[in-house]
N, C-alpha and C. Protein backbone atom coordinates (compact mmCIF):
# COMPACT_ATOMS: atom_id res chain seq x y z
N MET A 1 -0.38 5.10 16.72
CA MET A 1 -0.08 4.11 15.84
C MET A 1 -1.40 4.12 14.41
N PHE A 2 -2.47 4.34 15.11
CA PHE A 2 -3.75 4.59 13.75
C PHE A 2 -3.34 5.83 13.00
N LYS A 3 -2.96 6.86 13.56
CA LYS A 3 -2.35 8.10 12.91
C LYS A 3 -1.60 7.39 11.46
N VAL A 4 -0.44 6.80 12.09
CA VAL A 4 0.60 6.53 11.03
C VAL A 4 0.06 5.56 10.09
N ALA A 5 -0.96 4.61 10.28
CA ALA A 5 -1.71 3.73 9.32
C ALA A 5 -2.53 4.80 8.42
N GLN A 6 -3.13 5.88 9.01
CA GLN A 6 -3.57 6.81 7.91
C GLN A 6 -2.90 7.50 7.26
N GLU A 7 -1.78 7.91 7.58
CA GLU A 7 -0.76 8.64 6.71
C GLU A 7 -0.42 7.61 5.71
N LEU A 8 0.12 6.30 5.92
CA LEU A 8 0.51 5.49 4.87
C LEU A 8 -0.64 5.06 3.93
N ILE A 9 -1.74 5.08 4.38
CA ILE A 9 -2.82 4.50 3.41
C ILE A 9 -2.93 6.04 2.40
N GLY A 10 -2.84 7.27 2.94
CA GLY A 10 -2.86 8.45 2.13
C GLY A 10 -1.82 8.51 1.06
N ILE A 11 -0.64 7.99 1.73
CA ILE A 11 0.52 8.21 0.68
C ILE A 11 0.29 6.95 -0.59
N LEU A 12 -0.26 5.91 -0.04
CA LEU A 12 -0.51 4.99 -1.26
C LEU A 12 -1.95 5.09 -2.08
N GLY A 13 -2.34 6.47 -1.81
CA GLY A 13 -3.65 6.99 -2.66
C GLY A 13 -4.73 6.19 -2.30
N ILE A 14 -4.77 5.79 -1.01
CA ILE A 14 -6.39 5.04 -0.66
C ILE A 14 -6.99 5.92 0.26
N ASP A 15 -8.31 6.41 0.12
CA ASP A 15 -9.07 7.43 0.49
C ASP A 15 -8.90 6.82 2.14
N GLN A 16 -8.68 7.86 2.81
CA GLN A 16 -8.21 7.47 4.22
C GLN A 16 -9.80 7.25 5.40
N ARG A 17 -10.84 7.55 4.45
CA ARG A 17 -12.17 6.95 5.06
C ARG A 17 -12.27 5.50 5.11
N ARG A 18 -11.46 4.88 4.26
CA ARG A 18 -11.57 3.36 4.33
C ARG A 18 -11.15 2.86 5.50
N LEU A 19 -10.47 3.61 6.40
CA LEU A 19 -10.05 2.98 7.71
C LEU A 19 -10.64 3.80 8.80
N ARG A 20 -10.99 2.65 9.87
CA ARG A 20 -11.81 3.50 10.99
C ARG A 20 -11.22 2.55 12.02
N LEU A 21 -11.10 3.22 13.02
CA LEU A 21 -10.84 2.54 14.56
C LEU A 21 -12.04 2.75 15.43
N GLU A 22 -12.96 2.01 16.04
CA GLU A 22 -13.95 2.35 17.02
C GLU A 22 -13.80 1.24 18.00
N TRP A 23 -13.93 1.73 19.39
CA TRP A 23 -13.68 1.01 20.47
C TRP A 23 -15.07 0.61 20.86
N VAL A 24 -15.40 -0.65 21.02
CA VAL A 24 -16.49 -1.34 21.23
C VAL A 24 -16.41 -2.39 22.44
N SER A 25 -17.25 -2.35 23.55
CA SER A 25 -17.04 -3.24 24.51
C SER A 25 -17.87 -4.57 24.09
N SER A 26 -17.19 -5.57 24.76
CA SER A 26 -17.83 -6.87 24.06
C SER A 26 -19.22 -7.11 24.67
N SER A 27 -19.96 -6.02 25.62
CA SER A 27 -21.42 -5.86 26.02
C SER A 27 -22.06 -5.10 25.19
N GLU A 28 -21.35 -4.45 24.03
CA GLU A 28 -22.31 -3.57 23.18
C GLU A 28 -22.56 -4.31 22.03
N GLY A 29 -23.21 -5.09 22.10
CA GLY A 29 -23.56 -6.00 20.43
C GLY A 29 -24.40 -5.09 19.80
N ALA A 30 -25.25 -4.42 20.16
CA ALA A 30 -25.97 -3.38 19.21
C ALA A 30 -25.35 -2.15 18.67
N ARG A 31 -24.02 -1.75 19.54
CA ARG A 31 -23.44 -0.70 19.02
C ARG A 31 -22.41 -1.42 18.07
N PHE A 32 -21.97 -2.55 18.25
CA PHE A 32 -20.99 -2.97 17.08
C PHE A 32 -21.92 -3.46 15.99
N ALA A 33 -22.89 -3.63 15.88
CA ALA A 33 -23.70 -4.17 14.80
C ALA A 33 -23.91 -2.49 14.13
N GLU A 34 -24.17 -1.43 14.79
CA GLU A 34 -24.30 -0.33 14.30
C GLU A 34 -23.13 0.57 13.37
N VAL A 35 -21.84 -0.06 14.17
CA VAL A 35 -20.72 0.52 13.92
C VAL A 35 -20.08 -0.25 12.32
N VAL A 36 -20.36 -1.61 12.41
CA VAL A 36 -20.36 -2.28 11.15
C VAL A 36 -20.99 -2.04 9.90
N THR A 37 -22.63 -1.87 10.32
CA THR A 37 -23.42 -1.56 9.33
C THR A 37 -23.03 -0.04 8.54
N GLY A 38 -22.65 0.48 9.57
CA GLY A 38 -22.36 2.06 9.10
C GLY A 38 -21.39 2.24 8.25
N PHE A 39 -20.12 1.43 8.64
CA PHE A 39 -18.75 1.40 7.79
C PHE A 39 -19.01 0.65 6.61
N THR A 40 -19.86 -0.31 6.65
CA THR A 40 -20.32 -0.97 5.20
C THR A 40 -20.83 -0.06 4.53
N GLU A 41 -21.80 0.69 4.88
CA GLU A 41 -22.79 1.50 3.94
C GLU A 41 -21.63 2.80 3.43
N GLN A 42 -20.68 3.47 4.14
CA GLN A 42 -19.60 4.14 3.91
C GLN A 42 -18.59 3.80 2.68
N ILE A 43 -18.44 2.45 2.90
CA ILE A 43 -17.16 1.93 1.85
C ILE A 43 -18.09 1.54 0.54
N LYS A 44 -19.45 1.08 0.76
CA LYS A 44 -20.22 1.10 -0.65
C LYS A 44 -20.38 2.43 -1.44
N GLU A 45 -20.68 3.44 -0.71
CA GLU A 45 -20.73 4.86 -1.14
C GLU A 45 -19.27 5.31 -1.97
N LEU A 46 -18.31 5.22 -1.30
CA LEU A 46 -17.15 5.09 -1.70
C LEU A 46 -16.57 4.52 -3.09
N GLY A 47 -17.42 3.43 -3.16
CA GLY A 47 -16.99 2.67 -4.61
C GLY A 47 -15.88 2.12 -4.36
N PRO A 48 -15.32 1.46 -5.54
CA PRO A 48 -14.13 0.57 -5.89
C PRO A 48 -12.97 1.58 -5.22
N CYS A 49 -12.01 0.77 -4.71
CA CYS A 49 -10.62 1.54 -4.05
C CYS A 49 -9.97 2.00 -5.30
N GLY A 50 -9.81 1.29 -6.51
CA GLY A 50 -8.87 1.85 -7.45
C GLY A 50 -7.78 1.31 -7.83
N LEU A 51 -7.19 0.64 -6.66
CA LEU A 51 -5.80 0.01 -6.56
C LEU A 51 -5.90 -0.87 -7.49
N LYS A 52 -4.66 -1.17 -8.50
CA LYS A 52 -4.76 -2.39 -9.10
C LYS A 52 -3.78 -3.56 -8.30
N GLN A 53 -4.82 -4.68 -8.62
CA GLN A 53 -4.19 -5.95 -7.82
C GLN A 53 -2.88 -6.35 -8.44
N ALA A 54 -2.07 -6.69 -7.45
CA ALA A 54 -0.56 -7.48 -7.98
C ALA A 54 -0.75 -8.77 -8.88
N ALA A 55 0.14 -8.99 -9.64
CA ALA A 55 0.02 -9.92 -10.50
C ALA A 55 0.10 -11.25 -10.20
């Protein structure tokens, strides 16, 4: 299902790096923080998406 979502956002013209799936256990608080921080940094580096908002 994740692959389908990646393909769909690609079709819409959205960079596929804006979608990520990570498996993190509830006991892995530090790993969760690392994943979220890393993904946030990646999105900031990519900059604005470029899609216009619907009216």
